[in-house]
Amino acid sequence: MRLTSLDGLICCVRMLLHLSPLSALVAAGLSTFFAAPAAAQEARPLGANLEDFAYPWPVNRFEVAVGATRAQMAYMDVQPARPNGRSVVLLHGKNFCGATWEDTARALSNAGYRVLIPDQIGFCKSSKPREAQYTFAMLAQFTHELMREQGIEDAVVVAHSAGGMLAMHFALMFPDSIDHLVLINPLGLTDRMAEGVPYLPLDDLIKQEQQKNFASIKQYQRDTYYHGTWEPRYDRWVEMLAGQYASDAAQDVVLAQAKTSEMILTQPVAQHFERFAMPVTVMIGMLDTTTFGKAQSPPDVAERLRPIPELAPDAVARIPHATLVTFPDLGHSPQVEAPRQFEERLLEVLHNRVATNP
């Protein structure tokens, strides 16, 4: 007898047990057992501000003004046991949060660095004011204010994905506050609208965000970030994102995410690469297929858009004091995919910088 489906299996069990009352219980139990993995994919509500998602260190709050609204910027401040007198600011990407930096922050702290890890306004544990007009300049301003409030005059800024765009805007606005800029698979290496990616009205972006759930987030990350592979430990980060969309105040999350997608498309930074005066290290997982704007582009535009690894060499060539570091076997998030390998290279980069400019 050949079994081709779950229904077929249950049917066979019923026949074997002659459809007795016991058979119904057995069949129901089998249905529950085999359906369990699918049910596990449903997102558990975690709160629009991740109230029910644990971070690795205590979360502090920094008050900022968004127009007439007071908002709270969440952050972690990781103090080293043996300080080396230097600080690192870690900037998360659009589909990431401060907690995603846990492995990197531990490695930096163990090496003596003080590590400041903000959640940007509109993301994760920070406020998501509905009236906010999101700009990289606003987020850079808040990050700089937080640094000053914490007594950090200058720091190494390590930024990932959309956080890389933020870091580049920050570098233009506050060049004296960055000792060294490290960009990990950053967005913003090209101007997508100039390449033909069409603008989508905010209403359309909101509709896209409303469709997101655990399964769609996981599928996107597996295909785009992790080159078709998956490890169970990545599920935590999918749960983190999906848990916000599953919350009672999910519309606040949807609106903030839609507005920040608009921000990424309409506020390019690639035209300013020649202005970066500080040392810049661009670290690229070469299996990354992230191509921002491709999904909303007509076929003739989509086919000529290049992913981050293909853009990086040209971008690095335009930045005055830039170095390219590659991870041939890793994808969009090398710090998540292979923490030890990434941390070894990052600490090497920072050590070499100190050695040449003590």
Protein backbone atom coordinates (compact mmCIF):
# COMPACT_ATOMS: atom_id res chain seq x y z
CA MET A 1 0.00 0.00 0.00
CA ARG A 2 1.43 3.38 -1.02
CA LEU A 3 0.77 6.44 1.15
CA THR A 4 0.78 9.75 -0.70
CA SER A 5 -0.67 12.17 1.86
CA LEU A 6 -1.47 12.73 5.52
CA ASP A 7 -5.17 12.25 4.75
CA GLY A 8 -4.38 8.91 3.16
CA LEU A 9 -2.46 7.79 6.23
CA ILE A 10 -5.30 8.72 8.55
CA CYS A 11 -7.78 6.98 6.27
CA CYS A 12 -5.77 3.78 6.41
CA VAL A 13 -5.61 3.88 10.21
CA ARG A 14 -9.39 4.28 10.34
CA MET A 15 -9.89 1.25 8.10
CA LEU A 16 -7.51 -0.87 10.15
CA LEU A 17 -9.36 0.00 13.34
CA HIS A 18 -12.75 -0.62 11.69
CA LEU A 19 -13.88 2.93 12.33
CA SER A 20 -14.47 2.24 16.02
CA PRO A 21 -14.69 5.17 18.49
CA LEU A 22 -11.09 4.42 19.36
CA SER A 23 -10.15 4.82 15.71
CA ALA A 24 -11.54 8.34 15.64
CA LEU A 25 -9.36 9.28 18.60
CA VAL A 26 -6.30 7.71 17.00
CA ALA A 27 -6.94 9.47 13.71
CA ALA A 28 -7.48 12.80 15.45
CA GLY A 29 -4.26 12.28 17.36
CA LEU A 30 -2.37 11.59 14.15
CA SER A 31 -3.79 14.75 12.60
CA THR A 32 -2.61 16.79 15.57
CA PHE A 33 0.81 15.13 15.58
CA PHE A 34 1.52 15.67 11.91
CA ALA A 35 0.06 19.18 11.92
CA ALA A 36 2.24 20.29 14.84
CA PRO A 37 5.18 21.58 12.75
CA ALA A 38 2.84 23.82 10.73
CA ALA A 39 1.24 25.18 13.90
CA ALA A 40 4.68 25.93 15.28
CA GLN A 41 5.18 28.30 12.37
CA GLU A 42 2.49 30.63 13.67
CA ALA A 43 4.00 33.74 15.22
CA ARG A 44 3.54 34.31 18.94
CA PRO A 45 2.56 37.94 19.66
CA LEU A 46 5.56 39.70 21.22
CA GLY A 47 4.28 43.28 21.32
CA ALA A 48 4.74 46.06 18.79
CA ASN A 49 7.77 47.18 20.80
CA LEU A 50 8.93 43.61 21.53
CA GLU A 51 7.74 43.87 25.12
CA ASP A 52 7.75 40.06 25.39
CA PHE A 53 11.04 39.38 23.62
CA ALA A 54 14.13 39.06 25.81
CA TYR A 55 17.32 40.96 24.99
CA PRO A 56 20.73 39.73 26.20
CA TRP A 57 21.48 42.80 28.35
CA PRO A 58 19.36 45.36 30.23
CA VAL A 59 17.46 47.70 27.92
CA ASN A 60 17.66 51.41 28.67
CA ARG A 61 15.51 54.24 27.25
CA PHE A 62 16.59 57.54 25.75
CA GLU A 63 13.91 60.16 25.15
CA VAL A 64 13.86 61.97 21.80
CA ALA A 65 11.49 64.44 20.16
CA VAL A 66 9.71 63.39 16.96
CA GLY A 67 7.94 66.61 16.11
CA ALA A 68 5.58 67.32 19.00
CA THR A 69 5.77 63.70 20.21
CA ARG A 70 8.17 62.36 22.79
CA ALA A 71 9.51 58.94 21.81
CA GLN A 72 11.68 56.37 23.52
CA MET A 73 14.84 55.05 21.88
CA ALA A 74 15.79 51.67 23.36
CA TYR A 75 19.45 50.76 23.68
CA MET A 76 21.89 48.41 25.39
CA ASP A 77 25.19 49.59 26.83
CA VAL A 78 27.63 46.70 27.22
CA GLN A 79 30.55 47.53 29.48
CA PRO A 80 33.77 45.48 29.17
CA ALA A 81 35.45 43.82 32.13
CA ARG A 82 38.82 45.21 30.99
CA PRO A 83 38.21 48.46 29.07
CA ASN A 84 40.58 49.41 26.28
CA GLY A 85 39.27 52.99 26.23
CA ARG A 86 37.47 52.60 22.88
CA SER A 87 33.79 52.38 21.98
CA VAL A 88 31.83 50.68 19.21
CA VAL A 89 28.32 51.61 18.09
CA LEU A 90 26.38 48.81 16.39
CA LEU A 91 23.62 49.77 13.93
CA HIS A 92 21.07 47.11 12.98
CA GLY A 93 19.39 46.60 9.60
CA LYS A 94 15.73 46.85 8.65
CA ASN A 95 14.90 43.19 9.35
CA PHE A 96 17.12 43.03 12.41
CA CYS A 97 17.27 44.43 15.95
CA GLY A 98 19.83 45.26 18.59
CA ALA A 99 19.52 41.73 20.00
CA THR A 100 20.77 40.30 16.70
CA TRP A 101 24.20 41.74 17.54
CA GLU A 102 24.58 39.56 20.64
CA ASP A 103 27.51 37.44 19.45
CA THR A 104 29.33 40.41 17.94
CA ALA A 105 28.82 42.53 21.06
CA ARG A 106 30.17 39.79 23.33
CA ALA A 107 33.29 39.42 21.21
CA LEU A 108 33.88 43.18 21.18
CA SER A 109 33.28 43.48 24.92
CA ASN A 110 35.66 40.60 25.63
CA ALA A 111 38.25 42.49 23.57
CA GLY A 112 37.84 45.55 25.80
CA TYR A 113 35.42 47.68 23.78
CA ARG A 114 32.45 49.45 25.27
CA VAL A 115 29.50 48.54 22.99
CA LEU A 116 26.48 50.78 22.47
CA ILE A 117 23.59 49.05 20.69
CA PRO A 118 20.56 51.21 19.85
CA ASP A 119 17.24 50.14 18.40
CA GLN A 120 16.39 52.92 15.97
CA ILE A 121 13.13 54.81 16.33
CA GLY A 122 10.50 52.86 14.38
CA PHE A 123 12.15 49.50 15.05
CA CYS A 124 12.16 46.71 17.59
CA LYS A 125 11.92 47.89 21.21
CA SER A 126 11.88 51.60 20.32
CA SER A 127 8.80 53.77 19.84
CA LYS A 128 6.98 53.82 16.51
CA PRO A 129 5.27 57.23 16.40
CA ARG A 130 2.62 57.25 13.68
CA GLU A 131 3.31 60.87 12.74
CA ALA A 132 7.04 60.29 12.15
CA GLN A 133 8.44 61.24 8.76
CA TYR A 134 11.34 58.82 8.66
CA THR A 135 14.66 60.05 7.36
CA PHE A 136 18.18 58.74 7.73
CA ALA A 137 19.13 62.22 8.93
CA MET A 138 16.64 61.98 11.80
CA LEU A 139 17.90 58.55 12.85
CA ALA A 140 21.52 59.71 12.58
CA GLN A 141 20.72 62.76 14.72
CA PHE A 142 19.14 60.59 17.42
CA THR A 143 22.10 58.19 17.37
CA HIS A 144 24.51 61.09 17.76
CA GLU A 145 22.46 62.54 20.64
CA LEU A 146 22.52 59.15 22.36
CA MET A 147 26.28 58.92 21.97
CA ARG A 148 26.76 62.38 23.47
CA GLU A 149 24.38 61.60 26.32
CA GLN A 150 26.47 58.51 27.06
CA GLY A 151 29.71 60.51 26.97
CA ILE A 152 30.98 58.92 23.74
CA GLU A 153 32.74 61.55 21.62
CA ASP A 154 33.88 59.23 18.85
CA ALA A 155 33.51 55.55 18.12
CA VAL A 156 33.95 52.77 15.65
CA VAL A 157 30.58 52.48 13.89
CA VAL A 158 29.75 48.96 12.73
CA ALA A 159 26.59 48.78 10.65
CA HIS A 160 24.69 46.09 8.77
CA SER A 161 22.29 46.11 5.80
CA ALA A 162 19.96 49.17 5.98
CA GLY A 163 21.98 50.18 9.03
CA GLY A 164 24.84 50.65 6.60
CA MET A 165 22.87 53.36 4.81
CA LEU A 166 22.20 54.99 8.16
CA ALA A 167 25.89 54.79 9.06
CA MET A 168 26.89 56.45 5.78
CA HIS A 169 24.46 59.32 6.38
CA PHE A 170 25.81 59.54 9.93
CA ALA A 171 29.36 59.74 8.57
CA LEU A 172 28.42 62.68 6.36
CA MET A 173 26.65 64.53 9.17
CA PHE A 174 29.06 63.79 12.03
CA PRO A 175 32.44 62.87 10.52
CA ASP A 176 34.34 63.78 13.70
CA SER A 177 32.30 61.26 15.69
CA ILE A 178 33.46 58.24 13.66
CA ASP A 179 36.91 56.81 14.17
CA HIS A 180 36.37 53.96 11.71
CA LEU A 181 33.33 52.97 9.64
CA VAL A 182 32.66 49.25 9.14
CA LEU A 183 29.85 48.35 6.72
CA ILE A 184 28.53 44.78 6.58
CA ASN A 185 26.58 43.92 3.41
CA PRO A 186 25.17 47.44 3.38
CA LEU A 187 22.27 48.72 1.35
CA GLY A 188 22.86 52.03 -0.39
CA LEU A 189 25.83 51.06 -2.54
CA THR A 190 23.89 52.41 -5.52
CA ASP A 191 20.94 54.74 -6.18
CA ARG A 192 18.10 52.36 -7.00
CA MET A 193 15.68 55.01 -8.25
CA ALA A 194 18.37 56.28 -10.64
CA GLU A 195 18.61 52.68 -11.90
CA GLY A 196 14.91 52.69 -12.69
CA VAL A 197 13.28 51.17 -9.60
CA PRO A 198 9.81 52.73 -9.49
CA TYR A 199 8.43 54.59 -6.50
CA LEU A 200 5.62 52.81 -4.67
CA PRO A 201 3.04 54.95 -2.82
CA LEU A 202 2.90 54.46 0.92
CA ASP A 203 -0.49 52.73 0.65
CA ASP A 204 1.05 50.03 -1.53
CA LEU A 205 3.96 49.55 0.86
CA ILE A 206 1.52 49.22 3.75
CA LYS A 207 -0.37 46.49 1.88
CA GLN A 208 2.91 44.64 1.33
CA GLU A 209 3.78 44.84 5.02
CA GLN A 210 0.33 43.56 6.02
CA GLN A 211 1.01 40.32 4.14
CA LYS A 212 4.08 39.43 6.17
CA ASN A 213 4.03 36.51 8.58
CA PHE A 214 6.39 33.91 10.01
CA ALA A 215 6.39 31.78 6.86
CA SER A 216 6.96 34.63 4.40
CA ILE A 217 9.71 36.21 6.52
CA LYS A 218 11.49 32.87 6.88
CA GLN A 219 11.21 32.11 3.17
CA TYR A 220 12.64 35.51 2.21
CA GLN A 221 15.54 35.23 4.62
CA ARG A 222 16.37 31.65 3.62
CA ASP A 223 16.40 32.49 -0.08
CA THR A 224 18.02 35.93 0.11
CA TYR A 225 20.17 36.00 3.25
CA TYR A 226 21.27 32.40 3.74
CA HIS A 227 21.64 31.21 0.12
CA GLY A 228 18.91 28.61 0.38
CA THR A 229 20.08 27.07 3.65
CA TRP A 230 18.60 27.25 7.14
CA GLU A 231 19.61 26.47 10.70
CA PRO A 232 17.15 26.21 13.61
CA ARG A 233 18.98 29.00 15.47
CA TYR A 234 17.84 31.48 12.81
CA ASP A 235 14.20 30.89 13.83
CA ARG A 236 14.65 33.15 16.85
CA TRP A 237 15.18 36.13 14.59
CA VAL A 238 12.18 35.26 12.44
CA GLU A 239 10.07 34.94 15.61
CA MET A 240 11.35 38.35 16.71
CA LEU A 241 10.09 40.03 13.53
CA ALA A 242 6.91 38.03 13.04
CA GLY A 243 5.97 38.51 16.69
CA GLN A 244 5.67 42.24 16.12
CA TYR A 245 3.33 41.78 13.15
CA ALA A 246 1.21 39.37 15.24
CA SER A 247 0.72 41.89 18.05
CA ASP A 248 -2.37 43.92 18.90
CA ALA A 249 -0.66 47.13 17.77
CA ALA A 250 0.64 45.56 14.57
CA GLN A 251 -0.53 48.54 12.52
CA ASP A 252 2.12 50.69 14.20
CA VAL A 253 4.75 48.16 13.08
CA VAL A 254 3.31 47.98 9.56
CA LEU A 255 3.27 51.76 9.16
CA ALA A 256 6.82 52.21 10.48
CA GLN A 257 8.18 49.43 8.26
CA ALA A 258 6.40 50.81 5.19
CA LYS A 259 7.74 54.31 5.82
CA THR A 260 11.29 53.04 6.29
CA SER A 261 11.08 51.09 3.01
CA GLU A 262 10.14 54.37 1.36
CA MET A 263 13.09 56.02 3.14
CA ILE A 264 15.58 53.46 1.79
CA LEU A 265 14.46 53.96 -1.80
CA THR A 266 14.13 57.76 -1.80
CA GLN A 267 17.17 58.81 0.27
CA PRO A 268 20.28 57.52 -1.55
CA VAL A 269 23.78 58.12 -0.29
CA ALA A 270 25.93 56.62 -3.07
CA GLN A 271 26.46 60.03 -4.70
CA HIS A 272 28.57 61.05 -1.68
CA PHE A 273 31.10 58.23 -1.43
CA GLU A 274 34.04 60.46 -2.34
CA ARG A 275 33.33 62.62 0.73
CA PHE A 276 34.09 59.96 3.34
CA ALA A 277 37.27 61.06 5.10
CA MET A 278 37.52 58.32 7.74
CA PRO A 279 38.83 54.78 7.17
CA VAL A 280 36.07 52.53 5.82
CA THR A 281 36.01 48.74 5.80
CA VAL A 282 33.33 47.03 3.71
CA MET A 283 32.73 43.43 4.78
CA ILE A 284 30.72 41.35 2.30
CA GLY A 285 29.21 37.89 2.47
CA MET A 286 29.55 37.00 -1.20
CA LEU A 287 26.55 34.64 -1.39
CA ASP A 288 24.12 37.44 -0.52
CA THR A 289 21.41 37.92 -3.15
CA THR A 290 19.85 41.03 -1.57
CA THR A 291 18.79 43.36 -4.39
CA PHE A 292 16.65 46.11 -2.89
CA GLY A 293 13.84 47.22 -5.19
CA LYS A 294 13.95 44.21 -7.49
CA ALA A 295 10.55 42.85 -6.46
CA GLN A 296 8.77 46.09 -7.31
CA SER A 297 10.55 46.68 -10.62
CA PRO A 298 9.36 45.84 -14.14
CA PRO A 299 11.23 42.88 -15.70
CA ASP A 300 13.55 44.98 -17.85
CA VAL A 301 14.72 46.92 -14.78
CA ALA A 302 14.83 43.93 -12.42
CA GLU A 303 17.10 41.93 -14.71
CA ARG A 304 19.84 44.57 -14.71
CA LEU A 305 19.86 45.30 -10.96
CA ARG A 306 22.92 43.90 -9.24
CA PRO A 307 23.00 42.37 -5.73
CA ILE A 308 25.20 43.72 -2.95
CA PRO A 309 28.31 41.56 -3.62
CA GLU A 310 28.46 42.73 -7.23
CA LEU A 311 28.10 46.39 -6.22
CA ALA A 312 30.71 46.37 -3.46
CA PRO A 313 33.97 46.51 -5.49
CA ASP A 314 32.88 49.58 -7.47
CA ALA A 315 31.68 51.31 -4.31
CA VAL A 316 34.93 50.60 -2.45
CA ALA A 317 36.93 51.96 -5.38
CA ARG A 318 35.14 55.30 -5.02
CA ILE A 319 35.66 55.68 -1.25
CA PRO A 320 39.03 57.35 -0.52
CA HIS A 321 40.24 55.19 2.38
CA ALA A 322 38.26 51.99 1.91
CA THR A 323 39.15 48.31 2.14
CA LEU A 324 37.07 45.35 0.99
CA VAL A 325 36.90 42.18 3.10
CA THR A 326 34.99 39.21 1.68
CA PHE A 327 33.48 36.02 3.05
CA PRO A 328 33.19 33.74 -0.02
CA ASP A 329 30.93 31.14 1.62
CA LEU A 330 28.60 33.44 3.60
CA GLY A 331 25.50 35.47 2.81
CA HIS A 332 23.83 38.71 3.85
CA SER A 333 24.46 38.34 7.59
CA PRO A 334 27.92 36.88 8.20
CA GLN A 335 27.78 37.98 11.84
CA VAL A 336 24.72 35.73 12.33
CA GLU A 337 25.64 32.90 9.96
CA ALA A 338 29.22 32.34 11.13
CA PRO A 339 29.80 34.42 14.29
CA ARG A 340 33.29 33.15 15.15
CA GLN A 341 34.60 33.58 11.62
CA PHE A 342 33.11 37.06 11.34
CA GLU A 343 34.30 38.19 14.77
CA GLU A 344 37.86 37.07 14.08
CA ARG A 345 37.96 39.19 10.93
CA LEU A 346 36.27 42.17 12.57
CA LEU A 347 38.67 42.21 15.52
CA GLU A 348 41.58 41.87 13.12
CA VAL A 349 40.32 44.91 11.18
CA LEU A 350 39.93 46.95 14.36
CA HIS A 351 43.31 45.86 15.72
CA ASN A 352 45.05 46.86 12.50
CA ARG A 353 43.33 50.23 12.61
CA VAL A 354 44.57 50.84 16.17
CA ALA A 355 48.06 49.66 15.23
CA THR A 356 48.29 52.19 12.39
CA ASN A 357 46.59 55.03 14.30
CA PRO A 358 47.12 54.53 18.06
